Amino acid sequence: MRKITIIPVGAGQGQEVVLFDETKSPLPDACADGFIPQATRLIRPAPEIRAGYQAVFDRQNTLVKWNFTVLHTFATVDQCQDFIGQRPDILPGSGELYIYLTTAAGLFLRAYKTCFIDSYGPAADLGVSVRYRYALTLNSDYSLTP
């Protein structure tokens, strides 16, 4: 079972916001697609005078892009519409991201100290459910404990 939360950093920034929770009762969230982070590195081509080819340099600067869609389900259509309407006001622009994974072996926690929410919004309104799309950018630094 997975759960993803983001906590805004700084004084007066707000409280923990749950992006995805398979443990939620009675109606758990479900991942619709894209639950795999993709890492990118900054590669810079550099033209050289009178050279046949450009030089290419690996500038490191690894970033992790993570786009995923969550199916949030509610007991009533009103609760679903409230979620859609209030979500932009609740989500922070950045914070610390925590990924919890509960397995038979126990609880696994990964904490990203810097996470930016690039974009978000409903992908499909399904009455008592909504497919909600999130796009995150994280640095590659993480710790297994916060």
Protein backbone atom coordinates (compact mmCIF):
# COMPACT_ATOMS: atom_id res chain seq x y z
CA MET A 1 0.00 0.00 0.00
CA ARG A 2 1.35 3.40 -0.98
CA LYS A 3 0.88 6.90 0.35
CA ILE A 4 2.46 10.15 -0.90
CA THR A 5 2.39 13.40 1.07
CA ILE A 6 3.96 16.83 0.67
CA ILE A 7 4.72 19.16 3.56
CA PRO A 8 5.28 22.87 2.79
CA VAL A 9 8.57 24.20 4.15
CA GLY A 10 8.84 27.48 6.06
CA ALA A 11 6.94 29.35 8.71
CA GLY A 12 3.21 29.56 8.19
CA GLN A 13 3.29 27.46 5.02
CA GLY A 14 0.51 25.07 5.99
CA GLN A 15 0.13 21.42 6.88
CA GLU A 16 0.77 18.06 5.25
CA VAL A 17 -1.19 17.48 2.03
CA VAL A 18 -1.89 13.94 0.84
CA LEU A 19 -1.46 13.49 -2.92
CA PHE A 20 -2.20 9.77 -3.01
CA ASP A 21 -3.31 7.26 -0.38
CA GLU A 22 -4.14 3.61 -1.01
CA THR A 23 -4.73 3.12 2.72
CA LYS A 24 -7.57 5.70 2.92
CA SER A 25 -10.78 4.25 4.32
CA PRO A 26 -13.46 3.54 3.24
CA LEU A 27 -12.66 4.64 -0.35
CA PRO A 28 -8.92 4.38 -1.13
CA ASP A 29 -7.20 6.27 -3.94
CA ALA A 30 -5.95 4.33 -6.94
CA CYS A 31 -3.06 5.15 -9.22
CA ALA A 32 -4.41 5.45 -12.76
CA ASP A 33 -1.04 5.77 -14.55
CA GLY A 34 2.52 7.03 -14.43
CA PHE A 35 3.73 5.98 -11.00
CA ILE A 36 7.35 5.78 -12.22
CA PRO A 37 9.75 8.73 -11.74
CA GLN A 38 11.99 9.66 -14.69
CA ALA A 39 15.46 11.12 -14.06
CA THR A 40 17.06 13.60 -16.46
CA ARG A 41 20.53 15.16 -16.60
CA LEU A 42 21.69 18.42 -18.08
CA ILE A 43 23.72 17.68 -21.22
CA ARG A 44 25.27 20.72 -22.94
CA PRO A 45 26.61 20.75 -26.48
CA ALA A 46 29.39 23.32 -27.00
CA PRO A 47 30.42 24.39 -30.50
CA GLU A 48 34.15 24.58 -31.10
CA ILE A 49 35.75 26.86 -33.66
CA ARG A 50 36.66 25.01 -36.88
CA ALA A 51 35.79 21.63 -35.37
CA GLY A 52 33.90 19.01 -37.33
CA TYR A 53 31.69 18.19 -34.38
CA GLN A 54 30.46 19.89 -31.22
CA ALA A 55 31.81 18.88 -27.85
CA VAL A 56 29.21 17.50 -25.45
CA PHE A 57 29.49 17.91 -21.69
CA ASP A 58 27.59 16.19 -18.92
CA ARG A 59 26.75 18.96 -16.45
CA GLN A 60 25.22 16.48 -13.98
CA ASN A 61 22.39 18.54 -12.39
CA THR A 62 20.10 15.53 -12.15
CA LEU A 63 16.38 16.20 -11.83
CA VAL A 64 13.59 13.74 -11.32
CA LYS A 65 10.32 14.38 -13.19
CA TRP A 66 7.31 12.53 -11.91
CA ASN A 67 3.95 12.69 -13.68
CA PHE A 68 1.12 10.54 -12.41
CA THR A 69 -2.66 10.38 -12.35
CA VAL A 70 -4.62 9.44 -9.24
CA LEU A 71 -8.21 8.25 -9.15
CA HIS A 72 -9.74 9.93 -6.07
CA THR A 73 -13.12 8.43 -5.10
CA PHE A 74 -15.67 9.97 -2.74
CA ALA A 75 -18.98 8.96 -1.15
CA THR A 76 -20.98 11.69 -2.94
CA VAL A 77 -20.78 13.88 -6.02
CA ASP A 78 -20.76 16.97 -3.75
CA GLN A 79 -17.62 15.74 -1.95
CA CYS A 80 -15.96 15.12 -5.30
CA GLN A 81 -16.84 18.61 -6.56
CA ASP A 82 -15.58 20.15 -3.30
CA PHE A 83 -12.28 18.30 -3.76
CA ILE A 84 -11.91 19.58 -7.35
CA GLY A 85 -12.77 23.15 -6.33
CA GLN A 86 -10.61 23.31 -3.21
CA ARG A 87 -7.56 21.37 -4.42
CA PRO A 88 -5.76 24.37 -6.01
CA ASP A 89 -6.01 26.30 -2.72
CA ILE A 90 -4.68 23.38 -0.67
CA LEU A 91 -1.68 22.28 -2.77
CA PRO A 92 1.61 24.04 -1.98
CA GLY A 93 3.99 25.13 -4.71
CA SER A 94 6.85 23.25 -3.09
CA GLY A 95 7.81 21.27 -0.02
CA GLU A 96 9.22 18.02 1.28
CA LEU A 97 7.80 14.90 -0.39
CA TYR A 98 7.35 11.67 1.58
CA ILE A 99 6.65 8.33 -0.07
CA TYR A 100 5.44 5.57 2.22
CA LEU A 101 5.26 1.96 1.04
CA THR A 102 3.85 -0.72 3.33
CA THR A 103 4.70 -4.31 2.43
CA ALA A 104 4.77 -7.63 4.25
CA ALA A 105 8.38 -6.80 5.19
CA GLY A 106 7.37 -3.54 6.88
CA LEU A 107 7.24 0.20 6.17
CA PHE A 108 9.60 1.79 3.64
CA LEU A 109 9.96 5.59 3.67
CA ARG A 110 11.70 7.77 1.09
CA ALA A 111 11.93 11.51 1.77
CA TYR A 112 12.75 14.08 -0.92
CA LYS A 113 13.82 17.33 0.73
CA THR A 114 12.95 19.50 -2.28
CA CYS A 115 9.84 18.96 -4.40
CA PHE A 116 8.05 21.37 -6.72
CA ILE A 117 4.53 20.83 -8.00
CA ASP A 118 4.80 21.95 -11.63
CA SER A 119 1.19 21.40 -12.61
CA TYR A 120 -1.95 19.69 -11.39
CA GLY A 121 -5.61 19.47 -12.25
CA PRO A 122 -8.51 17.19 -13.03
CA ALA A 123 -8.04 14.98 -16.08
CA ALA A 124 -11.58 13.55 -15.93
CA ASP A 125 -14.61 14.23 -13.75
CA LEU A 126 -16.43 10.91 -13.24
CA GLY A 127 -19.22 11.89 -10.82
CA VAL A 128 -18.17 10.47 -7.44
CA SER A 129 -14.59 10.02 -8.73
CA VAL A 130 -12.04 12.28 -10.37
CA ARG A 131 -8.85 11.47 -12.22
CA TYR A 132 -6.41 14.07 -10.96
CA ARG A 133 -3.07 14.63 -12.71
CA TYR A 134 0.08 15.74 -10.85
CA ALA A 135 3.45 16.77 -12.34
CA LEU A 136 6.34 17.03 -9.87
CA THR A 137 10.00 18.03 -10.14
CA LEU A 138 12.38 16.76 -7.48
CA ASN A 139 16.10 16.99 -7.06
CA SER A 140 17.71 13.59 -6.96
CA ASP A 141 18.80 13.93 -3.34
CA TYR A 142 16.70 11.82 -1.07
CA SER A 143 17.10 10.10 2.25
CA LEU A 144 15.60 6.86 3.42
CA THR A 145 14.68 8.56 6.68
CA PRO A 146 13.48 12.16 7.08
